[in-house]
Amino acid sequence: MSSAEPDPLLVFDAMGLSHFARAERLDVLRDLLIGVTCLTTHVVREEIREGCQAYPILQTVLDANWLGLARLDSLDEIRCFAKWVQRIGSSERDLGEASVFSAAELSQGIAITDDREAVAVGRAHGLQVHGTVWLLARACRDGKLNEVAAGNIVEALRTTGMRLPCSGSTFGSYVRRNGTV
């Protein structure tokens, strides 16, 4: 992406937001995304709200003023959501991804989730879907982070139990090997 292109709109699933909050790095995520329109959905916010009982720090996600709300209210929006529910699944856990994918499709944005199965479904249906490693690699490419700092964030996230495809020490080689950005 050249600097002449506008930043894409990003629609976040609960997983990444939750782990950034639990690692006390939500402020870092916000700083990496300055100037980027970031949204989530009511469904994701409800998932996070439910998680606040176990992890009170998740309230920081609900309070994040940089994270807008994608609406799924109109009949066309509801139809799009229903389509993604059918594609991904209808368990409570899958509803967040379906709402994110709907919002990303409707806004021509990028869905952000680290759920590998959901990523595969989204990509199979032509949706642009990426995860946390992509966000960090993009920040490195744009000069907002260096590889060591990105690796430190990966390790902080992994400490919260987040499953990522690389460790902090292998972040750089993983990104280069997989052409993540």
N, C-alpha and C. Protein backbone atom coordinates (compact mmCIF):
# COMPACT_ATOMS: atom_id res chain seq x y z
N MET A 1 0.85 -1.17 0.00
CA MET A 1 0.00 0.00 0.00
C MET A 1 0.89 1.22 0.00
N SER A 2 0.73 2.12 -0.94
CA SER A 2 1.55 3.32 -1.00
C SER A 2 0.98 4.36 -0.06
N SER A 3 1.80 5.39 0.24
CA SER A 3 1.33 6.41 1.17
C SER A 3 0.21 7.24 0.56
N ALA A 4 0.02 7.18 -0.78
CA ALA A 4 -1.06 7.92 -1.43
C ALA A 4 -2.41 7.25 -1.22
N GLU A 5 -2.40 5.96 -0.91
CA GLU A 5 -3.64 5.24 -0.68
C GLU A 5 -4.15 5.52 0.72
N PRO A 6 -5.47 5.65 0.87
CA PRO A 6 -5.99 5.86 2.22
C PRO A 6 -5.86 4.57 3.04
N ASP A 7 -5.75 4.74 4.35
CA ASP A 7 -5.71 3.57 5.21
C ASP A 7 -7.04 2.86 5.13
N PRO A 8 -7.02 1.54 5.19
CA PRO A 8 -8.27 0.79 5.14
C PRO A 8 -9.04 0.94 6.44
N LEU A 9 -10.32 0.74 6.37
CA LEU A 9 -11.17 0.68 7.56
C LEU A 9 -10.99 -0.72 8.14
N LEU A 10 -10.79 -0.81 9.44
CA LEU A 10 -10.58 -2.09 10.10
C LEU A 10 -11.76 -2.38 11.02
N VAL A 11 -12.24 -3.63 10.98
CA VAL A 11 -13.34 -4.05 11.83
C VAL A 11 -12.82 -5.19 12.71
N PHE A 12 -12.80 -4.96 14.03
CA PHE A 12 -12.17 -5.86 14.98
C PHE A 12 -13.12 -6.86 15.62
N ASP A 13 -12.64 -8.09 15.72
CA ASP A 13 -13.28 -9.15 16.47
C ASP A 13 -12.82 -9.05 17.94
N ALA A 14 -13.44 -9.78 18.81
CA ALA A 14 -13.15 -9.71 20.25
C ALA A 14 -11.77 -10.24 20.61
N MET A 15 -11.30 -11.26 19.91
CA MET A 15 -10.08 -11.94 20.34
C MET A 15 -8.89 -10.99 20.47
N GLY A 16 -8.55 -10.30 19.42
CA GLY A 16 -7.40 -9.41 19.48
C GLY A 16 -7.58 -8.29 20.49
N LEU A 17 -8.75 -7.66 20.48
CA LEU A 17 -9.01 -6.58 21.43
C LEU A 17 -8.88 -7.07 22.86
N SER A 18 -9.43 -8.23 23.14
CA SER A 18 -9.38 -8.79 24.50
C SER A 18 -7.95 -9.05 24.94
N HIS A 19 -7.17 -9.66 24.07
CA HIS A 19 -5.79 -9.99 24.45
C HIS A 19 -4.92 -8.74 24.56
N PHE A 20 -5.12 -7.76 23.69
CA PHE A 20 -4.38 -6.50 23.85
C PHE A 20 -4.72 -5.86 25.19
N ALA A 21 -5.99 -5.87 25.57
CA ALA A 21 -6.40 -5.30 26.86
C ALA A 21 -5.80 -6.09 28.01
N ARG A 22 -5.90 -7.41 27.95
CA ARG A 22 -5.38 -8.25 29.03
C ARG A 22 -3.87 -8.13 29.17
N ALA A 23 -3.17 -7.85 28.07
CA ALA A 23 -1.73 -7.65 28.11
C ALA A 23 -1.38 -6.20 28.48
N GLU A 24 -2.40 -5.40 28.73
CA GLU A 24 -2.24 -3.98 29.02
C GLU A 24 -1.48 -3.26 27.90
N ARG A 25 -1.87 -3.60 26.67
CA ARG A 25 -1.26 -3.00 25.48
C ARG A 25 -2.31 -2.40 24.55
N LEU A 26 -3.55 -2.21 25.02
CA LEU A 26 -4.58 -1.62 24.17
C LEU A 26 -4.19 -0.21 23.73
N ASP A 27 -3.50 0.51 24.60
CA ASP A 27 -3.02 1.85 24.24
C ASP A 27 -2.00 1.79 23.11
N VAL A 28 -1.19 0.75 23.09
CA VAL A 28 -0.21 0.57 22.02
C VAL A 28 -0.93 0.30 20.70
N LEU A 29 -1.94 -0.55 20.74
CA LEU A 29 -2.73 -0.82 19.54
C LEU A 29 -3.34 0.47 19.02
N ARG A 30 -3.93 1.24 19.92
CA ARG A 30 -4.52 2.53 19.53
C ARG A 30 -3.48 3.41 18.85
N ASP A 31 -2.30 3.52 19.44
CA ASP A 31 -1.25 4.37 18.87
C ASP A 31 -0.79 3.88 17.50
N LEU A 32 -0.75 2.58 17.30
CA LEU A 32 -0.34 2.03 16.01
C LEU A 32 -1.38 2.32 14.93
N LEU A 33 -2.60 2.58 15.33
CA LEU A 33 -3.70 2.76 14.38
C LEU A 33 -4.19 4.19 14.28
N ILE A 34 -3.41 5.14 14.76
CA ILE A 34 -3.79 6.55 14.65
C ILE A 34 -4.02 6.88 13.18
N GLY A 35 -5.14 7.49 12.90
CA GLY A 35 -5.48 7.86 11.53
C GLY A 35 -6.24 6.79 10.77
N VAL A 36 -6.40 5.62 11.38
CA VAL A 36 -7.12 4.52 10.75
C VAL A 36 -8.50 4.43 11.41
N THR A 37 -9.54 4.31 10.60
CA THR A 37 -10.88 4.12 11.16
C THR A 37 -10.99 2.69 11.66
N CYS A 38 -11.27 2.55 12.96
CA CYS A 38 -11.37 1.24 13.60
C CYS A 38 -12.78 1.09 14.16
N LEU A 39 -13.40 -0.04 13.83
CA LEU A 39 -14.76 -0.32 14.28
C LEU A 39 -14.82 -1.70 14.92
N THR A 40 -15.89 -1.92 15.65
CA THR A 40 -16.28 -3.24 16.08
C THR A 40 -17.81 -3.28 16.02
N THR A 41 -18.40 -4.33 16.51
CA THR A 41 -19.86 -4.48 16.41
C THR A 41 -20.48 -4.63 17.80
N HIS A 42 -21.80 -4.50 17.85
CA HIS A 42 -22.52 -4.73 19.11
C HIS A 42 -22.28 -6.13 19.63
N VAL A 43 -22.27 -7.10 18.73
CA VAL A 43 -22.07 -8.50 19.15
C VAL A 43 -20.71 -8.65 19.83
N VAL A 44 -19.68 -8.08 19.23
CA VAL A 44 -18.33 -8.16 19.81
C VAL A 44 -18.30 -7.43 21.15
N ARG A 45 -18.90 -6.27 21.22
CA ARG A 45 -18.94 -5.53 22.50
C ARG A 45 -19.63 -6.36 23.58
N GLU A 46 -20.68 -7.09 23.23
CA GLU A 46 -21.36 -7.93 24.22
C GLU A 46 -20.47 -9.09 24.65
N GLU A 47 -19.71 -9.67 23.72
CA GLU A 47 -18.77 -10.73 24.09
C GLU A 47 -17.74 -10.19 25.09
N ILE A 48 -17.25 -9.00 24.81
CA ILE A 48 -16.25 -8.38 25.69
C ILE A 48 -16.88 -8.04 27.04
N ARG A 49 -18.08 -7.49 27.02
CA ARG A 49 -18.78 -7.16 28.27
C ARG A 49 -18.93 -8.42 29.14
N GLU A 50 -19.29 -9.54 28.53
CA GLU A 50 -19.42 -10.79 29.29
C GLU A 50 -18.08 -11.22 29.89
N GLY A 51 -16.99 -10.94 29.18
CA GLY A 51 -15.66 -11.30 29.67
C GLY A 51 -15.16 -10.42 30.80
N CYS A 52 -15.81 -9.28 31.02
CA CYS A 52 -15.38 -8.35 32.07
C CYS A 52 -15.48 -8.97 33.47
N GLN A 53 -16.37 -9.93 33.65
CA GLN A 53 -16.47 -10.57 34.97
C GLN A 53 -15.17 -11.30 35.31
N ALA A 54 -14.63 -12.02 34.37
CA ALA A 54 -13.39 -12.75 34.59
C ALA A 54 -12.17 -11.84 34.48
N TYR A 55 -12.24 -10.86 33.58
CA TYR A 55 -11.10 -9.97 33.32
C TYR A 55 -11.59 -8.52 33.32
N PRO A 56 -11.65 -7.88 34.47
CA PRO A 56 -12.16 -6.50 34.55
C PRO A 56 -11.43 -5.52 33.63
N ILE A 57 -10.18 -5.81 33.28
CA ILE A 57 -9.40 -4.93 32.40
C ILE A 57 -10.06 -4.80 31.02
N LEU A 58 -10.95 -5.73 30.66
CA LEU A 58 -11.63 -5.65 29.36
C LEU A 58 -12.53 -4.43 29.27
N GLN A 59 -12.86 -3.82 30.38
CA GLN A 59 -13.65 -2.59 30.36
C GLN A 59 -12.94 -1.52 29.53
N THR A 60 -11.60 -1.59 29.45
CA THR A 60 -10.86 -0.60 28.66
C THR A 60 -11.24 -0.67 27.18
N VAL A 61 -11.60 -1.86 26.72
CA VAL A 61 -12.05 -1.99 25.32
C VAL A 61 -13.39 -1.28 25.15
N LEU A 62 -14.29 -1.50 26.09
CA LEU A 62 -15.62 -0.88 26.01
C LEU A 62 -15.52 0.64 26.12
N ASP A 63 -14.51 1.13 26.81
CA ASP A 63 -14.32 2.57 27.01
C ASP A 63 -13.49 3.23 25.91
N ALA A 64 -12.94 2.45 25.00
CA ALA A 64 -12.03 2.97 23.97
C ALA A 64 -12.77 3.88 23.00
N ASN A 65 -12.50 5.17 23.05
CA ASN A 65 -13.20 6.13 22.18
C ASN A 65 -12.70 6.11 20.74
N TRP A 66 -11.60 5.44 20.48
CA TRP A 66 -11.06 5.34 19.12
C TRP A 66 -11.70 4.18 18.35
N LEU A 67 -12.46 3.38 19.05
CA LEU A 67 -13.07 2.19 18.45
C LEU A 67 -14.55 2.45 18.22
N GLY A 68 -14.89 2.75 16.97
CA GLY A 68 -16.27 3.05 16.63
C GLY A 68 -17.15 1.81 16.56
N LEU A 69 -18.41 2.04 16.32
CA LEU A 69 -19.38 0.95 16.29
C LEU A 69 -19.98 0.83 14.89
N ALA A 70 -19.82 -0.33 14.30
CA ALA A 70 -20.43 -0.62 13.00
C ALA A 70 -21.86 -1.07 13.26
N ARG A 71 -22.79 -0.44 12.63
CA ARG A 71 -24.20 -0.77 12.84
C ARG A 71 -24.62 -1.87 11.88
N LEU A 72 -25.45 -2.74 12.36
CA LEU A 72 -26.03 -3.79 11.54
C LEU A 72 -27.53 -3.77 11.79
N ASP A 73 -28.17 -2.67 11.36
CA ASP A 73 -29.58 -2.44 11.69
C ASP A 73 -30.54 -2.55 10.51
N SER A 74 -30.10 -2.15 9.34
CA SER A 74 -31.02 -2.14 8.20
C SER A 74 -31.29 -3.56 7.73
N LEU A 75 -32.30 -3.72 6.93
CA LEU A 75 -32.65 -5.05 6.42
C LEU A 75 -31.49 -5.65 5.62
N ASP A 76 -30.84 -4.85 4.77
CA ASP A 76 -29.71 -5.35 4.00
C ASP A 76 -28.55 -5.76 4.92
N GLU A 77 -28.32 -4.98 5.98
CA GLU A 77 -27.25 -5.30 6.92
C GLU A 77 -27.56 -6.59 7.67
N ILE A 78 -28.81 -6.76 8.06
CA ILE A 78 -29.22 -7.98 8.76
C ILE A 78 -29.11 -9.18 7.84
N ARG A 79 -29.48 -9.01 6.58
CA ARG A 79 -29.33 -10.11 5.61
C ARG A 79 -27.86 -10.51 5.45
N CYS A 80 -26.99 -9.51 5.40
CA CYS A 80 -25.56 -9.78 5.27
C CYS A 80 -25.06 -10.55 6.49
N PHE A 81 -25.50 -10.13 7.67
CA PHE A 81 -25.13 -10.82 8.91
C PHE A 81 -25.62 -12.27 8.87
N ALA A 82 -26.86 -12.47 8.46
CA ALA A 82 -27.42 -13.83 8.38
C ALA A 82 -26.61 -14.70 7.41
N LYS A 83 -26.18 -14.11 6.32
CA LYS A 83 -25.37 -14.84 5.33
C LYS A 83 -24.05 -15.31 5.97
N TRP A 84 -23.40 -14.41 6.72
CA TRP A 84 -22.14 -14.78 7.36
C TRP A 84 -22.35 -15.76 8.51
N VAL A 85 -23.46 -15.67 9.23
CA VAL A 85 -23.77 -16.65 10.27
C VAL A 85 -23.87 -18.03 9.64
N GLN A 86 -24.52 -18.11 8.50
CA GLN A 86 -24.67 -19.39 7.81
C GLN A 86 -23.31 -19.91 7.35
N ARG A 87 -22.44 -19.03 6.88
CA ARG A 87 -21.13 -19.45 6.38
C ARG A 87 -20.19 -19.89 7.50
N ILE A 88 -20.19 -19.15 8.58
CA ILE A 88 -19.23 -19.39 9.67
C ILE A 88 -19.77 -20.39 10.68
N GLY A 89 -21.02 -20.27 11.03
CA GLY A 89 -21.63 -21.10 12.06
C GLY A 89 -22.50 -20.24 12.95
N SER A 90 -23.33 -20.89 13.72
CA SER A 90 -24.28 -20.12 14.52
C SER A 90 -24.08 -20.29 16.02
N SER A 91 -22.94 -20.84 16.42
CA SER A 91 -22.69 -20.92 17.86
C SER A 91 -22.46 -19.50 18.37
N GLU A 92 -22.65 -19.31 19.67
CA GLU A 92 -22.46 -17.97 20.24
C GLU A 92 -21.09 -17.44 19.92
N ARG A 93 -20.09 -18.30 19.94
CA ARG A 93 -18.71 -17.89 19.68
C ARG A 93 -18.55 -17.38 18.25
N ASP A 94 -19.28 -17.93 17.32
CA ASP A 94 -19.14 -17.56 15.92
C ASP A 94 -19.89 -16.28 15.55
N LEU A 95 -20.82 -15.86 16.37
CA LEU A 95 -21.62 -14.69 16.04
C LEU A 95 -20.77 -13.42 15.97
N GLY A 96 -19.75 -13.33 16.80
CA GLY A 96 -18.86 -12.17 16.75
C GLY A 96 -18.16 -12.07 15.40
N GLU A 97 -17.59 -13.18 14.95
CA GLU A 97 -16.92 -13.18 13.65
C GLU A 97 -17.90 -12.87 12.53
N ALA A 98 -19.10 -13.45 12.60
CA ALA A 98 -20.10 -13.19 11.56
C ALA A 98 -20.46 -11.71 11.52
N SER A 99 -20.58 -11.09 12.68
CA SER A 99 -20.91 -9.65 12.70
C SER A 99 -19.75 -8.82 12.15
N VAL A 100 -18.54 -9.19 12.50
CA VAL A 100 -17.35 -8.47 12.01
C VAL A 100 -17.24 -8.63 10.49
N PHE A 101 -17.44 -9.84 10.00
CA PHE A 101 -17.34 -10.08 8.56
C PHE A 101 -18.44 -9.32 7.82
N SER A 102 -19.62 -9.26 8.39
CA SER A 102 -20.71 -8.49 7.78
C SER A 102 -20.34 -7.02 7.69
N ALA A 103 -19.89 -6.47 8.80
CA ALA A 103 -19.52 -5.05 8.84
C ALA A 103 -18.37 -4.76 7.88
N ALA A 104 -17.38 -5.65 7.82
CA ALA A 104 -16.26 -5.45 6.89
C ALA A 104 -16.73 -5.49 5.45
N GLU A 105 -17.59 -6.45 5.12
CA GLU A 105 -18.10 -6.55 3.75
C GLU A 105 -18.90 -5.29 3.39
N LEU A 106 -19.79 -4.89 4.27
CA LEU A 106 -20.65 -3.74 3.98
C LEU A 106 -19.88 -2.43 3.87
N SER A 107 -18.79 -2.31 4.59
CA SER A 107 -18.00 -1.08 4.57
C SER A 107 -16.80 -1.17 3.64
N GLN A 108 -16.62 -2.31 2.98
CA GLN A 108 -15.47 -2.58 2.14
C GLN A 108 -14.17 -2.41 2.94
N GLY A 109 -14.23 -2.87 4.18
CA GLY A 109 -13.08 -2.79 5.07
C GLY A 109 -12.39 -4.12 5.20
N ILE A 110 -11.53 -4.19 6.19
CA ILE A 110 -10.76 -5.39 6.47
C ILE A 110 -11.20 -5.93 7.82
N ALA A 111 -11.55 -7.20 7.85
CA ALA A 111 -11.91 -7.86 9.11
C ALA A 111 -10.62 -8.25 9.82
N ILE A 112 -10.58 -8.01 11.13
CA ILE A 112 -9.42 -8.36 11.93
C ILE A 112 -9.83 -9.41 12.96
N THR A 113 -9.33 -10.62 12.77
CA THR A 113 -9.58 -11.71 13.71
C THR A 113 -8.40 -12.67 13.66
N ASP A 114 -8.17 -13.34 14.77
CA ASP A 114 -7.12 -14.35 14.82
C ASP A 114 -7.70 -15.75 14.90
N ASP A 115 -8.98 -15.88 14.64
CA ASP A 115 -9.62 -17.19 14.60
C ASP A 115 -9.32 -17.81 13.24
N ARG A 116 -8.46 -18.80 13.22
CA ARG A 116 -7.98 -19.38 11.95
C ARG A 116 -9.09 -19.95 11.09
N GLU A 117 -10.05 -20.62 11.72
CA GLU A 117 -11.16 -21.19 10.94
C GLU A 117 -11.99 -20.09 10.30
N ALA A 118 -12.27 -19.03 11.06
CA ALA A 118 -13.05 -17.92 10.52
C ALA A 118 -12.29 -17.21 9.41
N VAL A 119 -10.98 -17.05 9.58
CA VAL A 119 -10.16 -16.44 8.54
C VAL A 119 -10.28 -17.23 7.24
N ALA A 120 -10.19 -18.53 7.33
CA ALA A 120 -10.28 -19.38 6.14
C ALA A 120 -11.63 -19.23 5.46
N VAL A 121 -12.71 -19.18 6.23
CA VAL A 121 -14.04 -19.01 5.66
C VAL A 121 -14.16 -17.64 4.99
N GLY A 122 -13.73 -16.61 5.69
CA GLY A 122 -13.81 -15.26 5.12
C GLY A 122 -13.05 -15.14 3.81
N ARG A 123 -11.83 -15.63 3.80
CA ARG A 123 -11.02 -15.55 2.58
C ARG A 123 -11.61 -16.40 1.45
N ALA A 124 -12.19 -17.54 1.80
CA ALA A 124 -12.82 -18.40 0.78
C ALA A 124 -13.98 -17.68 0.09
N HIS A 125 -14.57 -16.71 0.78
CA HIS A 125 -15.69 -15.95 0.22
C HIS A 125 -15.27 -14.55 -0.23
N GLY A 126 -13.97 -14.35 -0.42
CA GLY A 126 -13.47 -13.11 -1.01
C GLY A 126 -13.34 -11.93 -0.06
N LEU A 127 -13.47 -12.16 1.23
CA LEU A 127 -13.34 -11.08 2.20
C LEU A 127 -11.87 -10.88 2.55
N GLN A 128 -11.48 -9.64 2.73
CA GLN A 128 -10.12 -9.35 3.17
C GLN A 128 -10.10 -9.51 4.70
N VAL A 129 -9.36 -10.50 5.18
CA VAL A 129 -9.30 -10.83 6.60
C VAL A 129 -7.83 -10.96 7.00
N HIS A 130 -7.48 -10.33 8.09
CA HIS A 130 -6.11 -10.42 8.63
C HIS A 130 -6.17 -10.51 10.14
N GLY A 131 -5.00 -10.76 10.74
CA GLY A 131 -4.93 -10.89 12.19
C GLY A 131 -3.89 -9.98 12.81
N THR A 132 -3.58 -10.26 14.04
CA THR A 132 -2.68 -9.44 14.83
C THR A 132 -1.29 -9.37 14.22
N VAL A 133 -0.74 -10.48 13.76
CA VAL A 133 0.60 -10.47 13.18
C VAL A 133 0.64 -9.55 11.97
N TRP A 134 -0.41 -9.55 11.16
CA TRP A 134 -0.49 -8.64 10.02
C TRP A 134 -0.48 -7.18 10.48
N LEU A 135 -1.25 -6.88 11.54
CA LEU A 135 -1.26 -5.50 12.06
C LEU A 135 0.13 -5.07 12.52
N LEU A 136 0.81 -5.96 13.22
CA LEU A 136 2.15 -5.63 13.72
C LEU A 136 3.15 -5.51 12.57
N ALA A 137 3.05 -6.40 11.58
CA ALA A 137 3.94 -6.33 10.42
C ALA A 137 3.70 -5.04 9.65
N ARG A 138 2.46 -4.64 9.52
CA ARG A 138 2.10 -3.39 8.85
C ARG A 138 2.69 -2.20 9.60
N ALA A 139 2.63 -2.25 10.94
CA ALA A 139 3.20 -1.17 11.75
C ALA A 139 4.72 -1.11 11.56
N CYS A 140 5.37 -2.25 11.43
CA CYS A 140 6.81 -2.27 11.16
C CYS A 140 7.11 -1.69 9.79
N ARG A 141 6.34 -2.11 8.81
CA ARG A 141 6.52 -1.60 7.44
C ARG A 141 6.37 -0.09 7.39
N ASP A 142 5.42 0.43 8.16
CA ASP A 142 5.15 1.87 8.16
C ASP A 142 6.06 2.66 9.09
N GLY A 143 7.03 1.99 9.74
CA GLY A 143 7.98 2.67 10.60
C GLY A 143 7.43 3.04 11.98
N LYS A 144 6.30 2.47 12.36
CA LYS A 144 5.71 2.76 13.68
C LYS A 144 6.27 1.85 14.76
N LEU A 145 6.81 0.71 14.37
CA LEU A 145 7.41 -0.26 15.28
C LEU A 145 8.65 -0.83 14.61
N ASN A 146 9.59 -1.29 15.43
CA ASN A 146 10.66 -2.09 14.86
C ASN A 146 10.37 -3.55 15.18
N GLU A 147 11.14 -4.43 14.60
CA GLU A 147 10.89 -5.86 14.74
C GLU A 147 10.96 -6.33 16.19
N VAL A 148 11.90 -5.78 16.94
CA VAL A 148 12.04 -6.17 18.35
C VAL A 148 10.82 -5.74 19.15
N ALA A 149 10.35 -4.52 18.94
CA ALA A 149 9.16 -4.04 19.64
C ALA A 149 7.93 -4.88 19.28
N ALA A 150 7.80 -5.22 18.00
CA ALA A 150 6.68 -6.07 17.57
C ALA A 150 6.79 -7.44 18.23
N GLY A 151 7.99 -7.98 18.31
CA GLY A 151 8.20 -9.27 18.98
C GLY A 151 7.84 -9.20 20.45
N ASN A 152 8.14 -8.07 21.09
CA ASN A 152 7.77 -7.90 22.50
C ASN A 152 6.25 -7.89 22.67
N ILE A 153 5.55 -7.28 21.75
CA ILE A 153 4.08 -7.27 21.80
C ILE A 153 3.55 -8.68 21.61
N VAL A 154 4.11 -9.41 20.65
CA VAL A 154 3.71 -10.80 20.44
C VAL A 154 3.88 -11.60 21.73
N GLU A 155 5.00 -11.43 22.40
CA GLU A 155 5.23 -12.17 23.65
C GLU A 155 4.24 -11.76 24.73
N ALA A 156 3.95 -10.46 24.83
CA ALA A 156 2.96 -9.99 25.82
C ALA A 156 1.59 -10.61 25.55
N LEU A 157 1.22 -10.70 24.28
CA LEU A 157 -0.07 -11.29 23.92
C LEU A 157 -0.09 -12.79 24.20
N ARG A 158 0.99 -13.45 23.91
CA ARG A 158 1.08 -14.89 24.15
C ARG A 158 1.01 -15.19 25.65
N THR A 159 1.50 -14.28 26.47
CA THR A 159 1.44 -14.45 27.93
C THR A 159 -0.01 -14.50 28.41
N THR A 160 -0.91 -13.85 27.69
CA THR A 160 -2.33 -13.86 28.06
C THR A 160 -3.05 -15.11 27.54
N GLY A 161 -2.33 -15.95 26.82
CA GLY A 161 -2.93 -17.17 26.27
C GLY A 161 -3.32 -17.04 24.81
N MET A 162 -3.01 -15.94 24.19
CA MET A 162 -3.36 -15.77 22.78
C MET A 162 -2.49 -16.69 21.93
N ARG A 163 -3.15 -17.40 21.03
CA ARG A 163 -2.42 -18.29 20.12
C ARG A 163 -2.11 -17.53 18.84
N LEU A 164 -0.84 -17.39 18.57
CA LEU A 164 -0.37 -16.70 17.37
C LEU A 164 0.53 -17.65 16.60
N PRO A 165 0.71 -17.41 15.31
CA PRO A 165 1.48 -18.35 14.49
C PRO A 165 3.00 -18.25 14.66
N CYS A 166 3.45 -17.35 15.53
CA CYS A 166 4.88 -17.20 15.75
C CYS A 166 5.10 -16.72 17.18
N SER A 167 6.33 -16.82 17.62
CA SER A 167 6.71 -16.27 18.92
C SER A 167 7.29 -14.88 18.68
N GLY A 168 7.60 -14.19 19.75
CA GLY A 168 8.21 -12.87 19.60
C GLY A 168 9.56 -12.95 18.91
N SER A 169 10.33 -13.99 19.25
CA SER A 169 11.67 -14.10 18.66
C SER A 169 11.64 -14.54 17.20
N THR A 170 10.55 -15.16 16.76
CA THR A 170 10.46 -15.59 15.36
C THR A 170 9.56 -14.69 14.52
N PHE A 171 9.06 -13.60 15.12
CA PHE A 171 8.16 -12.69 14.42
C PHE A 171 8.73 -12.24 13.07
N GLY A 172 9.92 -11.69 13.07
CA GLY A 172 10.52 -11.16 11.83
C GLY A 172 10.68 -12.21 10.76
N SER A 173 11.21 -13.36 11.12
CA SER A 173 11.41 -14.41 10.11
C SER A 173 10.06 -14.95 9.63
N TYR A 174 9.08 -15.04 10.52
CA TYR A 174 7.73 -15.49 10.12
C TYR A 174 7.14 -14.53 9.10
N VAL A 175 7.22 -13.24 9.38
CA VAL A 175 6.65 -12.23 8.47
C VAL A 175 7.35 -12.28 7.11
N ARG A 176 8.66 -12.36 7.12
CA ARG A 176 9.40 -12.41 5.84
C ARG A 176 9.07 -13.69 5.07
N ARG A 177 9.03 -14.80 5.75
CA ARG A 177 8.77 -16.11 5.11
C ARG A 177 7.36 -16.17 4.52
N ASN A 178 6.39 -15.56 5.20
CA ASN A 178 4.99 -15.66 4.80
C ASN A 178 4.48 -14.45 4.05
N GLY A 179 5.33 -13.46 3.81
CA GLY A 179 4.88 -12.27 3.09
C GLY A 179 3.62 -11.67 3.72
N THR A 180 3.65 -11.51 5.03
CA THR A 180 2.46 -11.13 5.78
C THR A 180 1.89 -9.77 5.40
N VAL A 181 2.71 -8.86 4.96
CA VAL A 181 2.16 -7.53 4.58
C VAL A 181 2.21 -7.38 3.08
